[in-house]
C-alpha atoms as a PDB file:
ATOM      1  CA  MET A   1      -3.033 -17.415  17.505  1.00  0.00           C
ATOM      2  CA  SER A   2      -2.195 -21.101  17.848  1.00  0.00           C
ATOM      3  CA  ASP A   3       1.079 -22.413  19.219  1.00  0.00           C
ATOM      4  CA  LYS A   4       1.028 -25.284  16.723  1.00  0.00           C
ATOM      5  CA  LEU A   5       2.421 -25.488  13.215  1.00  0.00           C
ATOM      6  CA  ILE A   6       1.357 -27.823  10.453  1.00  0.00           C
ATOM      7  CA  LEU A   7       4.462 -28.777   8.464  1.00  0.00           C
ATOM      8  CA  SER A   8       3.187 -30.447   5.301  1.00  0.00           C
ATOM      9  CA  LEU A   9       5.988 -32.487   3.764  1.00  0.00           C
ATOM     10  CA  ASP A  10       5.602 -34.468   0.564  1.00  0.00           C
ATOM     11  CA  THR A  11       5.807 -37.517   2.890  1.00  0.00           C
ATOM     12  CA  GLY A  12       2.809 -36.333   4.996  1.00  0.00           C
ATOM     13  CA  ASP A  13       1.668 -33.803   7.600  1.00  0.00           C
ATOM     14  CA  VAL A  14       3.625 -33.115  10.773  1.00  0.00           C
ATOM     15  CA  THR A  15       2.156 -31.213  13.730  1.00  0.00           C
ATOM     16  CA  ILE A  16       4.661 -29.230  15.787  1.00  0.00           C
ATOM     17  CA  GLU A  17       3.854 -27.787  19.200  1.00  0.00           C
ATOM     18  CA  MET A  18       5.859 -24.583  19.631  1.00  0.00           C
ATOM     19  CA  PHE A  19       7.355 -23.394  22.926  1.00  0.00           C
ATOM     20  CA  PRO A  20       6.853 -19.601  23.080  1.00  0.00           C
ATOM     21  CA  GLU A  21       7.686 -19.626  26.787  1.00  0.00           C
ATOM     22  CA  LYS A  22      11.129 -21.134  26.019  1.00  0.00           C
ATOM     23  CA  ALA A  23      12.043 -19.296  22.800  1.00  0.00           C
ATOM     24  CA  PRO A  24       9.612 -16.395  22.273  1.00  0.00           C
ATOM     25  CA  ASN A  25      11.585 -14.588  19.568  1.00  0.00           C
ATOM     26  CA  HIS A  26      12.270 -17.763  17.582  1.00  0.00           C
ATOM     27  CA  VAL A  27       8.632 -18.864  17.741  1.00  0.00           C
ATOM     28  CA  ALA A  28       7.450 -15.399  16.669  1.00  0.00           C
ATOM     29  CA  ARG A  29       9.851 -15.352  13.704  1.00  0.00           C
ATOM     30  CA  ILE A  30       9.003 -18.899  12.581  1.00  0.00           C
ATOM     31  CA  LYS A  31       5.282 -18.041  12.726  1.00  0.00           C
ATOM     32  CA  GLU A  32       5.922 -14.888  10.688  1.00  0.00           C
ATOM     33  CA  LEU A  33       7.933 -16.774   8.043  1.00  0.00           C
ATOM     34  CA  ALA A  34       5.343 -19.569   7.899  1.00  0.00           C
ATOM     35  CA  GLU A  35       2.456 -17.123   7.486  1.00  0.00           C
ATOM     36  CA  ASP A  36       4.384 -15.317   4.719  1.00  0.00           C
ATOM     37  CA  GLY A  37       4.816 -18.632   2.839  1.00  0.00           C
ATOM     38  CA  PHE A  38       8.612 -18.464   3.139  1.00  0.00           C
ATOM     39  CA  TYR A  39       9.011 -22.220   3.734  1.00  0.00           C
ATOM     40  CA  ASP A  40       6.568 -23.392   1.058  1.00  0.00           C
ATOM     41  CA  GLY A  41       8.357 -25.410  -1.633  1.00  0.00           C
ATOM     42  CA  LEU A  42      11.764 -25.532   0.090  1.00  0.00           C
ATOM     43  CA  SER A  43      13.758 -28.788   0.282  1.00  0.00           C
ATOM     44  CA  ALA A  44      15.257 -30.658   3.201  1.00  0.00           C
ATOM     45  CA  HIS A  45      18.946 -30.222   2.368  1.00  0.00           C
ATOM     46  CA  ARG A  46      20.604 -32.180   5.187  1.00  0.00           C
ATOM     47  CA  VAL A  47      18.994 -35.382   6.466  1.00  0.00           C
ATOM     48  CA  ILE A  48      21.274 -37.596   8.555  1.00  0.00           C
ATOM     49  CA  ASP A  49      19.970 -40.981   9.698  1.00  0.00           C
ATOM     50  CA  GLY A  50      19.893 -41.269  13.496  1.00  0.00           C
ATOM     51  CA  PHE A  51      20.571 -37.536  13.903  1.00  0.00           C
ATOM     52  CA  MET A  52      18.316 -34.945  12.291  1.00  0.00           C
ATOM     53  CA  ALA A  53      16.532 -33.489   9.252  1.00  0.00           C
ATOM     54  CA  GLN A  54      17.434 -29.891   8.400  1.00  0.00           C
ATOM     55  CA  MET A  55      15.386 -27.563   6.202  1.00  0.00           C
ATOM     56  CA  GLY A  56      14.473 -23.914   5.722  1.00  0.00           C
ATOM     57  CA  CYS A  57      17.229 -22.814   3.332  1.00  0.00           C
ATOM     58  CA  PRO A  58      15.911 -20.925   0.285  1.00  0.00           C
ATOM     59  CA  ARG A  59      19.072 -21.861  -1.656  1.00  0.00           C
ATOM     60  CA  GLY A  60      18.667 -25.562  -0.850  1.00  0.00           C
ATOM     61  CA  ASP A  61      22.300 -25.965   0.197  1.00  0.00           C
ATOM     62  CA  GLY A  62      22.404 -24.756   3.813  1.00  0.00           C
ATOM     63  CA  THR A  63      23.921 -21.355   3.024  1.00  0.00           C
ATOM     64  CA  GLY A  64      20.780 -19.214   2.786  1.00  0.00           C
ATOM     65  CA  GLY A  65      18.188 -17.682   5.038  1.00  0.00           C
ATOM     66  CA  SER A  66      15.564 -14.978   5.308  1.00  0.00           C
ATOM     67  CA  GLY A  67      18.162 -12.294   6.001  1.00  0.00           C
ATOM     68  CA  GLN A  68      17.172 -11.693   9.620  1.00  0.00           C
ATOM     69  CA  ASN A  69      19.231 -13.303  12.370  1.00  0.00           C
ATOM     70  CA  ILE A  70      17.705 -14.155  15.737  1.00  0.00           C
ATOM     71  CA  ASP A  71      19.664 -13.918  18.988  1.00  0.00           C
ATOM     72  CA  ALA A  72      20.099 -17.257  20.773  1.00  0.00           C
ATOM     73  CA  GLU A  73      17.453 -18.304  23.295  1.00  0.00           C
ATOM     74  CA  PHE A  74      19.151 -21.380  24.720  1.00  0.00           C
ATOM     75  CA  ASN A  75      16.835 -23.163  27.142  1.00  0.00           C
ATOM     76  CA  ASP A  76      16.287 -26.342  29.137  1.00  0.00           C
ATOM     77  CA  VAL A  77      14.567 -28.329  26.360  1.00  0.00           C
ATOM     78  CA  SER A  78      16.725 -31.377  25.643  1.00  0.00           C
ATOM     79  CA  HIS A  79      17.342 -32.312  22.023  1.00  0.00           C
ATOM     80  CA  GLN A  80      15.456 -35.618  21.948  1.00  0.00           C
ATOM     81  CA  ARG A  81      13.429 -37.383  19.245  1.00  0.00           C
ATOM     82  CA  GLY A  82      10.977 -34.954  17.656  1.00  0.00           C
ATOM     83  CA  VAL A  83      12.475 -31.768  19.084  1.00  0.00           C
ATOM     84  CA  CYS A  84      12.666 -28.848  16.648  1.00  0.00           C
ATOM     85  CA  SER A  85      15.629 -26.517  16.970  1.00  0.00           C
ATOM     86  CA  MET A  86      17.299 -23.741  15.004  1.00  0.00           C
ATOM     87  CA  ALA A  87      20.304 -24.320  12.807  1.00  0.00           C
ATOM     88  CA  ARG A  88      23.030 -21.672  12.975  1.00  0.00           C
ATOM     89  CA  ALA A  89      26.582 -20.866  11.934  1.00  0.00           C
ATOM     90  CA  GLN A  90      29.452 -20.618  14.452  1.00  0.00           C
ATOM     91  CA  ASN A  91      28.049 -17.424  15.938  1.00  0.00           C
ATOM     92  CA  PRO A  92      25.402 -18.404  18.534  1.00  0.00           C
ATOM     93  CA  ASN A  93      23.276 -15.426  17.388  1.00  0.00           C
ATOM     94  CA  SER A  94      23.240 -16.437  13.705  1.00  0.00           C
ATOM     95  CA  ALA A  95      20.014 -18.487  13.563  1.00  0.00           C
ATOM     96  CA  ASP A  96      17.731 -17.314  10.755  1.00  0.00           C
ATOM     97  CA  SER A  97      15.177 -19.507   8.934  1.00  0.00           C
ATOM     98  CA  GLN A  98      16.842 -22.934   8.971  1.00  0.00           C
ATOM     99  CA  PHE A  99      15.710 -25.469  11.527  1.00  0.00           C
ATOM    100  CA  PHE A 100      16.087 -29.162  12.204  1.00  0.00           C
ATOM    101  CA  ILE A 101      14.027 -31.975  13.697  1.00  0.00           C
ATOM    102  CA  CYS A 102      15.859 -34.582  15.775  1.00  0.00           C
ATOM    103  CA  PHE A 103      15.459 -38.236  14.810  1.00  0.00           C
ATOM    104  CA  ASP A 104      17.028 -39.470  18.045  1.00  0.00           C
ATOM    105  CA  ASP A 105      18.825 -38.336  21.210  1.00  0.00           C
ATOM    106  CA  ALA A 106      21.011 -35.353  20.280  1.00  0.00           C
ATOM    107  CA  SER A 107      21.426 -34.028  23.820  1.00  0.00           C
ATOM    108  CA  PHE A 108      25.048 -33.092  23.010  1.00  0.00           C
ATOM    109  CA  LEU A 109      23.422 -30.051  21.304  1.00  0.00           C
ATOM    110  CA  ASP A 110      21.689 -28.919  24.521  1.00  0.00           C
ATOM    111  CA  GLY A 111      22.574 -25.356  25.510  1.00  0.00           C
ATOM    112  CA  GLN A 112      24.152 -24.658  22.096  1.00  0.00           C
ATOM    113  CA  TYR A 113      21.099 -24.505  19.832  1.00  0.00           C
ATOM    114  CA  THR A 114      17.675 -22.953  20.450  1.00  0.00           C
ATOM    115  CA  ALA A 115      14.973 -25.601  20.797  1.00  0.00           C
ATOM    116  CA  TRP A 116      11.613 -24.039  19.935  1.00  0.00           C
ATOM    117  CA  GLY A 117       9.146 -26.911  19.520  1.00  0.00           C
ATOM    118  CA  LYS A 118       8.421 -30.608  19.313  1.00  0.00           C
ATOM    119  CA  VAL A 119       6.641 -32.895  16.870  1.00  0.00           C
ATOM    120  CA  VAL A 120       3.419 -34.090  18.533  1.00  0.00           C
ATOM    121  CA  ASP A 121       1.943 -35.904  15.521  1.00  0.00           C
ATOM    122  CA  GLY A 122       3.299 -37.247  12.231  1.00  0.00           C
ATOM    123  CA  MET A 123       6.876 -38.091  13.236  1.00  0.00           C
ATOM    124  CA  GLU A 124       6.604 -41.088  10.883  1.00  0.00           C
ATOM    125  CA  HIS A 125       6.558 -38.577   8.015  1.00  0.00           C
ATOM    126  CA  VAL A 126       9.827 -37.063   9.256  1.00  0.00           C
ATOM    127  CA  ASP A 127      11.241 -40.592   9.516  1.00  0.00           C
ATOM    128  CA  ALA A 128      10.238 -41.162   5.857  1.00  0.00           C
ATOM    129  CA  MET A 129      12.332 -38.224   4.578  1.00  0.00           C
ATOM    130  CA  ASN A 130      15.031 -39.011   2.007  1.00  0.00           C
ATOM    131  CA  ARG A 131      18.514 -39.123   3.534  1.00  0.00           C
ATOM    132  CA  GLY A 132      21.642 -37.326   2.332  1.00  0.00           C
ATOM    133  CA  GLU A 133      23.690 -34.117   2.509  1.00  0.00           C
ATOM    134  CA  PRO A 134      21.941 -33.181   0.267  1.00  0.00           C
ATOM    135  CA  PRO A 135      19.618 -36.069  -0.554  1.00  0.00           C
ATOM    136  CA  SER A 136      19.671 -37.093  -4.242  1.00  0.00           C
ATOM    137  CA  THR A 137      15.886 -36.620  -4.236  1.00  0.00           C
ATOM    138  CA  PRO A 138      15.195 -34.120  -1.448  1.00  0.00           C
ATOM    139  CA  THR A 139      11.970 -34.219   0.532  1.00  0.00           C
ATOM    140  CA  LYS A 140      10.033 -30.992  -0.036  1.00  0.00           C
ATOM    141  CA  ILE A 141       8.055 -28.757   2.280  1.00  0.00           C
ATOM    142  CA  VAL A 142       4.665 -28.458   0.594  1.00  0.00           C
ATOM    143  CA  SER A 143       3.625 -25.799   3.116  1.00  0.00           C
ATOM    144  CA  MET A 144       4.169 -24.695   6.677  1.00  0.00           C
ATOM    145  CA  LYS A 145       1.331 -22.852   8.382  1.00  0.00           C
ATOM    146  CA  VAL A 146       0.261 -21.877  11.871  1.00  0.00           C
ATOM    147  CA  ALA A 147      -2.617 -24.182  12.877  1.00  0.00           C
ATOM    148  CA  ALA A 148      -6.020 -22.538  13.032  1.00  0.00           C
END
């Protein structure tokens, strides 16, 4: 199975290279959710200019998930432009389905959030996402699938 995801946003397609050697459990869970269609149709609910775009909440407000937490797999991947990482609550082991993509240097998050991939193509489509917490017109995930 491929270690790339195709995140189709209503702004365009984004290719994400996943890092199974850095975050094996997170990558496995994201692949499982993507293959099950969990992300399809969800909105980006928190998009902060110069920081990150967060998505993956079935409620659309940042309070929901798939119901299965993943233990932290903090690693040496620095939170730089294009890096994909898991959102979580205060508990380091509370990541579930929500993730974010960094717009810029967010290295202050290093060692506190599990980085699991990086955008390798289509970052301009992430840049085109509507901003807000939540955005007045949220960008939607059309689909998220493991690349063939």
